[in-house]
Protein backbone atom coordinates (compact mmCIF):
# COMPACT_ATOMS: atom_id res chain seq x y z
CA UNK A 1 7.11 -146.16 123.16
CA UNK A 2 8.47 -149.26 121.56
CA UNK A 3 6.29 -152.15 120.42
CA UNK A 4 6.31 -155.48 122.31
CA UNK A 5 8.17 -157.32 119.65
CA UNK A 6 10.90 -154.78 119.71
CA UNK A 7 11.22 -155.12 123.52
CA UNK A 8 11.32 -158.91 123.06
CA UNK A 9 13.97 -158.97 120.37
CA UNK A 10 16.16 -156.58 122.71
CA UNK A 11 15.65 -159.11 125.63
CA UNK A 12 16.50 -161.91 123.43
CA UNK A 13 19.75 -160.26 122.29
CA UNK A 14 20.66 -159.66 125.90
CA UNK A 15 20.04 -163.22 126.85
CA UNK A 16 22.09 -164.33 123.78
CA UNK A 17 25.02 -162.15 125.21
CA UNK A 18 24.57 -163.21 128.79
CA UNK A 19 22.84 -166.67 128.85
CA UNK A 20 24.60 -167.69 132.16
CA UNK A 21 23.20 -164.69 133.87
CA UNK A 22 19.56 -166.07 133.81
CA UNK A 23 17.71 -169.15 135.07
CA UNK A 24 14.55 -168.55 133.11
CA UNK A 25 14.48 -167.24 129.60
CA UNK A 26 10.63 -167.01 129.64
CA UNK A 27 10.39 -165.11 132.81
CA UNK A 28 12.89 -162.75 131.50
CA UNK A 29 10.90 -162.19 128.29
CA UNK A 30 7.65 -161.71 130.25
CA UNK A 31 9.25 -159.18 132.33
CA UNK A 32 10.49 -157.23 129.17
CA UNK A 33 6.88 -156.66 128.04
CA UNK A 34 5.32 -156.39 131.53
CA UNK A 35 5.22 -152.66 132.07
CA UNK A 36 2.79 -152.20 128.97
CA UNK A 37 0.46 -155.00 130.48
CA UNK A 38 -1.45 -152.26 132.19
CA UNK A 39 -3.42 -151.83 128.86
CA UNK A 40 -5.10 -155.15 129.59
CA UNK A 41 -6.85 -153.48 132.54
CA UNK A 42 -10.36 -152.31 131.51
CA UNK A 43 -9.91 -149.28 133.88
CA UNK A 44 -6.45 -148.34 132.25
CA UNK A 45 -5.69 -144.67 132.52
CA UNK A 46 -2.34 -142.62 131.56
CA UNK A 47 -1.56 -142.35 135.34
CA UNK A 48 -1.55 -146.15 135.59
CA UNK A 49 0.89 -146.43 132.74
CA UNK A 50 2.97 -143.69 134.36
CA UNK A 51 2.98 -145.81 137.54
CA UNK A 52 3.93 -149.08 135.67
CA UNK A 53 6.69 -147.28 134.00
CA UNK A 54 8.18 -146.04 137.20
CA UNK A 55 7.23 -142.42 136.56
CA UNK A 56 10.32 -141.83 134.19
CA UNK A 57 10.10 -138.92 131.91
CA UNK A 58 12.27 -137.82 129.14
CA UNK A 59 14.11 -135.50 131.48
CA UNK A 60 15.28 -138.38 133.97
CA UNK A 61 18.88 -139.49 133.63
CA UNK A 62 19.44 -143.21 133.50
CA UNK A 63 20.31 -143.25 137.11
CA UNK A 64 16.50 -142.82 137.81
CA UNK A 65 16.45 -146.52 137.57
CA UNK A 66 19.22 -147.33 140.00
CA UNK A 67 17.07 -148.50 142.86
CA UNK A 68 14.34 -150.34 140.88
CA UNK A 69 16.13 -153.82 141.07
CA UNK A 70 16.77 -153.75 144.81
CA UNK A 71 13.17 -152.56 145.42
CA UNK A 72 11.39 -155.37 143.55
CA UNK A 73 13.49 -158.43 143.09
CA UNK A 74 13.33 -161.61 145.12
CA UNK A 75 15.32 -164.86 144.59
CA UNK A 76 12.16 -166.23 142.63
CA UNK A 77 11.21 -163.24 140.42
CA UNK A 78 14.77 -161.90 139.66
CA UNK A 79 14.78 -162.70 135.88
CA UNK A 80 11.32 -161.14 135.56
CA UNK A 81 12.40 -158.03 137.39
CA UNK A 82 15.62 -157.64 135.22
CA UNK A 83 13.39 -158.10 132.14
CA UNK A 84 11.08 -155.26 133.61
CA UNK A 85 14.00 -153.00 134.08
CA UNK A 86 15.16 -153.62 130.38
CA UNK A 87 11.79 -152.48 129.26
CA UNK A 88 12.07 -149.24 131.26
CA UNK A 89 15.59 -148.61 129.86
CA UNK A 90 14.50 -149.67 126.33
CA UNK A 91 11.62 -146.96 126.41
CA UNK A 92 13.97 -144.25 127.56
CA UNK A 93 16.39 -145.03 124.74
CA UNK A 94 13.33 -145.18 122.33
CA UNK A 95 12.24 -141.81 123.05
CA UNK A 96 15.60 -140.10 122.22
CA UNK A 97 16.60 -142.30 119.33
CA UNK A 98 13.29 -142.88 117.49
CA UNK A 99 10.50 -140.76 118.99
CA UNK A 100 12.22 -137.32 118.92
CA UNK A 101 13.53 -137.64 115.43
CA UNK A 102 10.06 -138.81 114.29
CA UNK A 103 8.47 -135.66 115.94
CA UNK A 104 10.99 -133.42 114.13
CA UNK A 105 10.39 -135.04 110.87
CA UNK A 106 6.59 -134.97 111.19
CA UNK A 107 6.84 -131.18 112.23
CA UNK A 108 8.95 -130.35 109.15
CA UNK A 109 6.54 -132.20 106.77
CA UNK A 110 3.14 -133.21 108.26
CA UNK A 111 1.10 -135.84 106.86
CA UNK A 112 -1.84 -134.22 105.17
CA UNK A 113 -4.31 -137.06 106.07
CA UNK A 114 -3.32 -138.30 109.38
CA UNK A 115 -2.49 -136.87 112.81
CA UNK A 116 1.05 -137.34 114.32
CA UNK A 117 -0.19 -140.03 116.70
CA UNK A 118 -1.93 -141.90 113.92
CA UNK A 119 1.12 -142.01 111.70
CA UNK A 120 3.40 -142.79 114.53
CA UNK A 121 1.40 -145.95 115.60
CA UNK A 122 0.74 -147.10 112.00
CA UNK A 123 4.46 -146.97 111.30
CA UNK A 124 5.35 -148.75 114.45
CA UNK A 125 2.83 -151.37 114.03
CA UNK A 126 3.97 -152.28 110.50
CA UNK A 127 7.45 -152.72 111.69
CA UNK A 128 6.28 -155.02 114.55
CA UNK A 129 4.29 -157.09 111.96
CA UNK A 130 7.54 -157.55 110.04
CA UNK A 131 9.42 -158.50 113.14
CA UNK A 132 7.12 -161.33 113.89
CA UNK A 133 8.95 -163.05 111.08
CA UNK A 134 12.39 -162.72 112.63
CA UNK A 135 14.30 -165.98 112.75
CA UNK A 136 14.31 -165.89 116.59
CA UNK A 137 10.46 -165.12 116.73
CA UNK A 138 9.37 -168.75 117.17
CA UNK A 139 11.70 -169.19 120.24
CA UNK A 140 10.65 -165.93 121.74
CA UNK A 141 6.79 -166.90 121.50
CA UNK A 142 7.62 -170.25 122.99
CA UNK A 143 9.52 -168.36 125.86
CA UNK A 144 6.53 -166.20 126.49
CA UNK A 145 4.18 -169.26 126.67
CA UNK A 146 6.45 -171.03 129.33
CA UNK A 147 7.41 -167.92 131.25
CA UNK A 148 5.94 -167.16 134.65
CA UNK A 149 4.28 -163.63 135.28
CA UNK A 150 4.77 -161.83 138.56
CA UNK A 151 3.13 -159.11 140.37
CA UNK A 152 5.07 -156.00 141.36
CA UNK A 153 3.31 -154.24 144.11
CA UNK A 154 2.00 -150.96 143.05
CA UNK A 155 3.13 -151.39 139.45
CA UNK A 156 1.60 -154.33 137.66
CA UNK A 157 -0.25 -157.45 138.41
CA UNK A 158 0.47 -160.96 137.14
CA UNK A 159 -2.79 -161.50 135.63
CA UNK A 160 -2.52 -158.68 133.35
CA UNK A 161 1.09 -159.58 132.33
CA UNK A 162 -0.05 -163.22 131.35
CA UNK A 163 -3.08 -161.71 129.33
CA UNK A 164 -0.59 -159.37 127.49
CA UNK A 165 1.68 -162.25 126.74
CA UNK A 166 -1.34 -164.32 125.39
CA UNK A 167 -2.46 -161.46 123.33
CA UNK A 168 0.96 -161.05 121.72
CA UNK A 169 0.85 -164.95 121.10
CA UNK A 170 -2.43 -164.53 119.24
CA UNK A 171 -1.05 -161.62 117.12
CA UNK A 172 1.97 -163.86 116.16
CA UNK A 173 -0.27 -166.66 115.33
CA UNK A 174 -2.28 -164.42 113.04
CA UNK A 175 0.76 -162.50 111.53
CA UNK A 176 0.72 -161.32 108.03
CA UNK A 177 3.87 -161.41 105.81
CA UNK A 178 4.09 -157.87 104.75
CA UNK A 179 6.64 -155.41 103.56
CA UNK A 180 6.42 -152.20 105.69
CA UNK A 181 5.34 -148.94 103.89
CA UNK A 182 6.09 -146.47 106.65
CA UNK A 183 6.18 -142.79 106.35
CA UNK A 184 8.48 -141.51 108.93
CA UNK A 185 10.00 -144.41 110.91
CA UNK A 186 12.05 -147.04 108.88
CA UNK A 187 12.64 -150.58 109.57
CA UNK A 188 16.34 -150.00 109.36
CA UNK A 189 16.07 -147.23 112.17
CA UNK A 190 14.27 -149.60 114.45
CA UNK A 191 16.83 -152.32 113.74
CA UNK A 192 19.74 -149.98 114.64
CA UNK A 193 17.71 -149.07 117.89
CA UNK A 194 17.45 -152.48 118.96
CA UNK A 195 21.11 -153.18 118.43
CA UNK A 196 22.13 -149.93 120.20
CA UNK A 197 19.65 -150.53 123.06
CA UNK A 198 20.92 -154.11 123.69
CA UNK A 199 24.52 -152.59 124.01
CA UNK A 200 23.39 -149.88 126.37
CA UNK A 201 21.26 -152.19 128.52
CA UNK A 202 23.99 -154.61 128.95
CA UNK A 203 26.39 -151.75 130.03
CA UNK A 204 23.97 -150.45 132.58
CA UNK A 205 22.91 -153.85 133.95
CA UNK A 206 26.45 -155.31 134.27
CA UNK A 207 28.21 -152.01 135.14
CA UNK A 208 30.63 -152.03 138.05
CA UNK A 209 28.71 -151.99 141.41
CA UNK A 210 25.47 -153.10 139.87
CA UNK A 211 23.43 -155.82 141.93
CA UNK A 212 21.70 -157.45 138.96
């Protein structure tokens, strides 16, 4: 699904729109990348990733996530749990707005040298590399350094989240200033996704009757 820096830019946008709704910017940011931290486990499997992502599929409506906040939040981890929920929502939106159009484009004009997954990840990684140079990136990276990771029972452990955050910090420190030469997914398409996803997440999280 979306790359970590894309999730972080969405979380940063939400924080900018709703700053009074959070106590810890860093906790919120760490939560927004936490579901993918399962990759830091040596024994990571596809089933573990499905579990960390609340077992949602492309067929689920957004209401699939309605019980997540009540199930996992405490007064201490609230911002982290909201960030985690933002990640889940963002991946659902990514699938319909970026992944599906990509698959359609690839099926119509397959790359002769690379598989669909190889092209997909190559495009996404180039765009992420570019996003390390965003104006808010230094603030985001500082937030990750300062944030507290939490375990969500049955979903993810705090040690993996902290390690995932540290891995991203290292990637940022070693970033390259490149111009993406993507084949199917454009930087503009991802920027539009981030903007639209921010708006959709805000509507969902602060909808009437929501407890977040």
